[in-house]
């Protein structure tokens, strides 16, 4: 023998549950994207060509201001 109970709140509860599942899915995807973006690192900029006399002079003067 089977007894089927139905109340007036079952459909409302199912609708609310579906809304929560959709919003939680959006939140999970959003957090995954943020984690992925935060883990991507930029390449280091290339080092200056110190064999070029002008570049060397610029950096020497920049880091050695006490020598004029």
N, C-alpha and C. Protein backbone atom coordinates (compact mmCIF):
# COMPACT_ATOMS: atom_id res chain seq x y z
N UNK A 1 0.84 -1.17 0.00
CA UNK A 1 0.00 0.00 0.00
C UNK A 1 0.89 1.24 0.00
N UNK A 2 0.51 2.21 -0.77
CA UNK A 2 1.32 3.42 -0.91
C UNK A 2 0.46 4.62 -0.57
N UNK A 3 1.03 5.51 0.18
CA UNK A 3 0.31 6.71 0.58
C UNK A 3 1.02 7.90 -0.03
N UNK A 4 0.31 8.70 -0.79
CA UNK A 4 0.92 9.85 -1.44
C UNK A 4 0.49 11.10 -0.69
N UNK A 5 1.49 11.81 -0.20
CA UNK A 5 1.21 13.06 0.51
C UNK A 5 1.63 14.22 -0.36
N UNK A 6 0.75 15.14 -0.50
CA UNK A 6 1.12 16.36 -1.22
C UNK A 6 0.63 17.54 -0.41
N UNK A 7 1.47 18.51 -0.31
CA UNK A 7 1.08 19.70 0.42
C UNK A 7 1.17 20.90 -0.51
N UNK A 8 0.73 22.02 -0.03
CA UNK A 8 0.71 23.22 -0.86
C UNK A 8 2.08 23.85 -1.04
N UNK A 9 3.08 23.41 -0.30
CA UNK A 9 4.40 24.02 -0.38
C UNK A 9 5.39 23.22 -1.23
N UNK A 10 5.04 22.05 -1.69
CA UNK A 10 5.98 21.21 -2.44
C UNK A 10 6.48 21.89 -3.70
N UNK A 11 5.58 22.49 -4.48
CA UNK A 11 5.99 23.15 -5.72
C UNK A 11 6.85 24.38 -5.43
N UNK A 12 6.50 25.11 -4.38
CA UNK A 12 7.28 26.29 -4.01
C UNK A 12 8.68 25.88 -3.57
N UNK A 13 8.77 24.82 -2.81
CA UNK A 13 10.08 24.33 -2.35
C UNK A 13 10.93 23.87 -3.53
N UNK A 14 10.33 23.17 -4.47
CA UNK A 14 11.07 22.73 -5.66
C UNK A 14 11.56 23.91 -6.47
N UNK A 15 10.71 24.94 -6.63
CA UNK A 15 11.12 26.14 -7.36
C UNK A 15 12.27 26.86 -6.68
N UNK A 16 12.18 26.97 -5.36
CA UNK A 16 13.24 27.62 -4.60
C UNK A 16 14.53 26.81 -4.69
N UNK A 17 14.41 25.51 -4.62
CA UNK A 17 15.58 24.65 -4.74
C UNK A 17 16.24 24.80 -6.11
N UNK A 18 15.46 24.88 -7.16
CA UNK A 18 16.00 25.09 -8.51
C UNK A 18 16.71 26.43 -8.62
N UNK A 19 16.13 27.48 -8.04
CA UNK A 19 16.76 28.81 -8.07
C UNK A 19 18.09 28.78 -7.33
N UNK A 20 18.13 28.11 -6.18
CA UNK A 20 19.38 28.01 -5.41
C UNK A 20 20.44 27.24 -6.18
N UNK A 21 20.04 26.17 -6.85
CA UNK A 21 21.00 25.39 -7.64
C UNK A 21 21.58 26.22 -8.78
N UNK A 22 20.73 27.01 -9.45
CA UNK A 22 21.22 27.85 -10.54
C UNK A 22 22.18 28.91 -10.03
N UNK A 23 21.83 29.56 -8.92
CA UNK A 23 22.71 30.61 -8.40
C UNK A 23 24.01 30.01 -7.85
N UNK A 24 23.94 28.84 -7.26
CA UNK A 24 25.18 28.23 -6.75
C UNK A 24 26.08 27.81 -7.91
N UNK A 25 25.49 27.37 -9.01
CA UNK A 25 26.29 27.02 -10.18
C UNK A 25 26.99 28.25 -10.73
N UNK A 26 26.27 29.39 -10.79
CA UNK A 26 26.89 30.63 -11.27
C UNK A 26 28.02 31.05 -10.34
N UNK A 27 27.82 30.91 -9.05
CA UNK A 27 28.85 31.29 -8.09
C UNK A 27 30.08 30.40 -8.23
N UNK A 28 29.89 29.13 -8.41
CA UNK A 28 31.02 28.20 -8.57
C UNK A 28 31.82 28.55 -9.82
N UNK A 29 31.12 28.80 -10.93
CA UNK A 29 31.81 29.14 -12.18
C UNK A 29 32.55 30.47 -12.01
N UNK A 30 31.91 31.45 -11.38
CA UNK A 30 32.54 32.75 -11.16
C UNK A 30 33.82 32.60 -10.34
N UNK A 31 33.77 31.80 -9.27
CA UNK A 31 34.96 31.60 -8.43
C UNK A 31 36.05 30.84 -9.17
N UNK A 32 35.68 29.88 -10.00
CA UNK A 32 36.68 29.16 -10.79
C UNK A 32 37.39 30.10 -11.76
N UNK A 33 36.62 30.98 -12.40
CA UNK A 33 37.22 31.93 -13.33
C UNK A 33 38.16 32.88 -12.59
N UNK A 34 37.75 33.37 -11.42
CA UNK A 34 38.62 34.25 -10.63
C UNK A 34 39.89 33.53 -10.20
N UNK A 35 39.79 32.27 -9.80
CA UNK A 35 40.99 31.50 -9.43
C UNK A 35 41.92 31.32 -10.63
N UNK A 36 41.33 31.05 -11.78
CA UNK A 36 42.13 30.87 -12.98
C UNK A 36 42.85 32.15 -13.35
N UNK A 37 42.16 33.27 -13.28
CA UNK A 37 42.77 34.55 -13.62
C UNK A 37 43.88 34.90 -12.64
N UNK A 38 43.66 34.64 -11.36
CA UNK A 38 44.68 34.98 -10.37
C UNK A 38 45.93 34.11 -10.50
N UNK A 39 45.81 32.92 -11.09
CA UNK A 39 46.96 32.03 -11.24
C UNK A 39 47.76 32.29 -12.51
N UNK A 40 47.22 33.07 -13.42
CA UNK A 40 47.95 33.39 -14.65
C UNK A 40 48.98 34.46 -14.33
N UNK A 41 50.23 34.20 -14.67
CA UNK A 41 51.30 35.15 -14.38
C UNK A 41 51.83 35.75 -15.67
N UNK A 42 52.18 37.02 -15.57
CA UNK A 42 52.77 37.70 -16.72
C UNK A 42 54.22 37.26 -16.89
N UNK A 43 54.69 37.36 -18.11
CA UNK A 43 56.10 37.11 -18.37
C UNK A 43 56.92 38.28 -17.81
N UNK A 44 58.11 37.97 -17.36
CA UNK A 44 59.00 39.03 -16.89
C UNK A 44 59.43 39.88 -18.08
N UNK A 45 59.58 41.18 -17.86
CA UNK A 45 60.03 42.02 -18.97
C UNK A 45 61.47 41.66 -19.34
N UNK A 46 61.83 41.87 -20.59
CA UNK A 46 63.20 41.54 -20.99
C UNK A 46 64.21 42.45 -20.30
N UNK A 47 65.38 41.91 -20.04
CA UNK A 47 66.44 42.69 -19.42
C UNK A 47 66.99 43.70 -20.42
N UNK A 48 67.43 44.85 -19.93
CA UNK A 48 67.98 45.85 -20.85
C UNK A 48 69.31 45.38 -21.44
N UNK A 49 69.57 45.85 -22.62
CA UNK A 49 70.81 45.49 -23.32
C UNK A 49 71.94 46.37 -22.78
N UNK A 50 72.69 45.82 -21.84
CA UNK A 50 73.75 46.60 -21.21
C UNK A 50 74.98 46.75 -22.08
N UNK A 51 75.03 46.08 -23.18
CA UNK A 51 76.16 46.28 -24.09
C UNK A 51 76.01 47.56 -24.90
N UNK A 52 74.80 48.10 -24.94
CA UNK A 52 74.57 49.39 -25.60
C UNK A 52 75.04 50.49 -24.66
N UNK A 53 75.88 51.36 -25.14
CA UNK A 53 76.49 52.40 -24.30
C UNK A 53 75.45 53.36 -23.72
N UNK A 54 74.47 53.75 -24.49
CA UNK A 54 73.45 54.68 -24.00
C UNK A 54 72.59 54.04 -22.90
N UNK A 55 72.25 52.79 -23.08
CA UNK A 55 71.46 52.09 -22.07
C UNK A 55 72.27 51.94 -20.79
N UNK A 56 73.53 51.57 -20.93
CA UNK A 56 74.38 51.42 -19.76
C UNK A 56 74.52 52.75 -19.02
N UNK A 57 74.72 53.83 -19.77
CA UNK A 57 74.87 55.16 -19.18
C UNK A 57 73.60 55.55 -18.42
N UNK A 58 72.45 55.28 -19.01
CA UNK A 58 71.18 55.61 -18.37
C UNK A 58 71.04 54.89 -17.04
N UNK A 59 71.26 53.58 -17.03
CA UNK A 59 71.10 52.82 -15.79
C UNK A 59 72.18 53.13 -14.77
N UNK A 60 73.37 53.42 -15.23
CA UNK A 60 74.44 53.79 -14.30
C UNK A 60 74.08 55.09 -13.59
N UNK A 61 73.62 56.08 -14.33
CA UNK A 61 73.24 57.35 -13.73
C UNK A 61 72.00 57.20 -12.83
N UNK A 62 71.10 56.33 -13.21
CA UNK A 62 69.89 56.12 -12.42
C UNK A 62 70.21 55.51 -11.06
N UNK A 63 71.08 54.52 -11.03
CA UNK A 63 71.36 53.82 -9.78
C UNK A 63 72.57 54.36 -9.02
N UNK A 64 73.30 55.29 -9.62
CA UNK A 64 74.49 55.85 -8.97
C UNK A 64 74.42 57.37 -9.01
N UNK A 65 73.44 57.93 -8.38
CA UNK A 65 73.24 59.38 -8.42
C UNK A 65 74.33 60.14 -7.66
N UNK A 66 75.00 59.46 -6.76
CA UNK A 66 76.05 60.16 -6.03
C UNK A 66 77.30 60.37 -6.88
N UNK A 67 77.45 59.61 -7.98
CA UNK A 67 78.57 59.81 -8.91
C UNK A 67 78.10 60.69 -10.04
N UNK A 68 78.72 61.88 -10.14
CA UNK A 68 78.29 62.79 -11.21
C UNK A 68 79.40 62.96 -12.21
